[in-house]
Amino acid sequence: MQHGLPVDFKKYFWDVRFNTLTAYSHPTFIIERLLEFGDVKELDWLNSMYTKDQITNVLLTSRRLSPKTGNFFAHYYNVPKESLVCMKKLYI
């Protein structure tokens, strides 16, 4: 079963072919993008489409989330922020 993203989410996926995205095709990418740029409506949709484990796994492992986003959602999903990859200082 294909679950396309709501049409009003297109603004968050400006750099990809929106019509090819489904809730199951690229879940990590979709979760990252909506956590970073979404609002309450997008968060409600995320929580209805994906399990808490799927979302927290992305939260824990993503390098694409900003520390600000990571900090907020660590509190929201009750995850220790120290365990988030996006909160770790990068050395180049």
Foldseek 3Di string as FASTA:
>chain_A
DFAQDPPVCVVLVVPDDRVPDTCPPCVLVLLQSCLAPNDPVSVVVCVVSDPLVSNVVSLQEDLSHALVSSVVVCVVSVNPSVSRPNNDDDDD
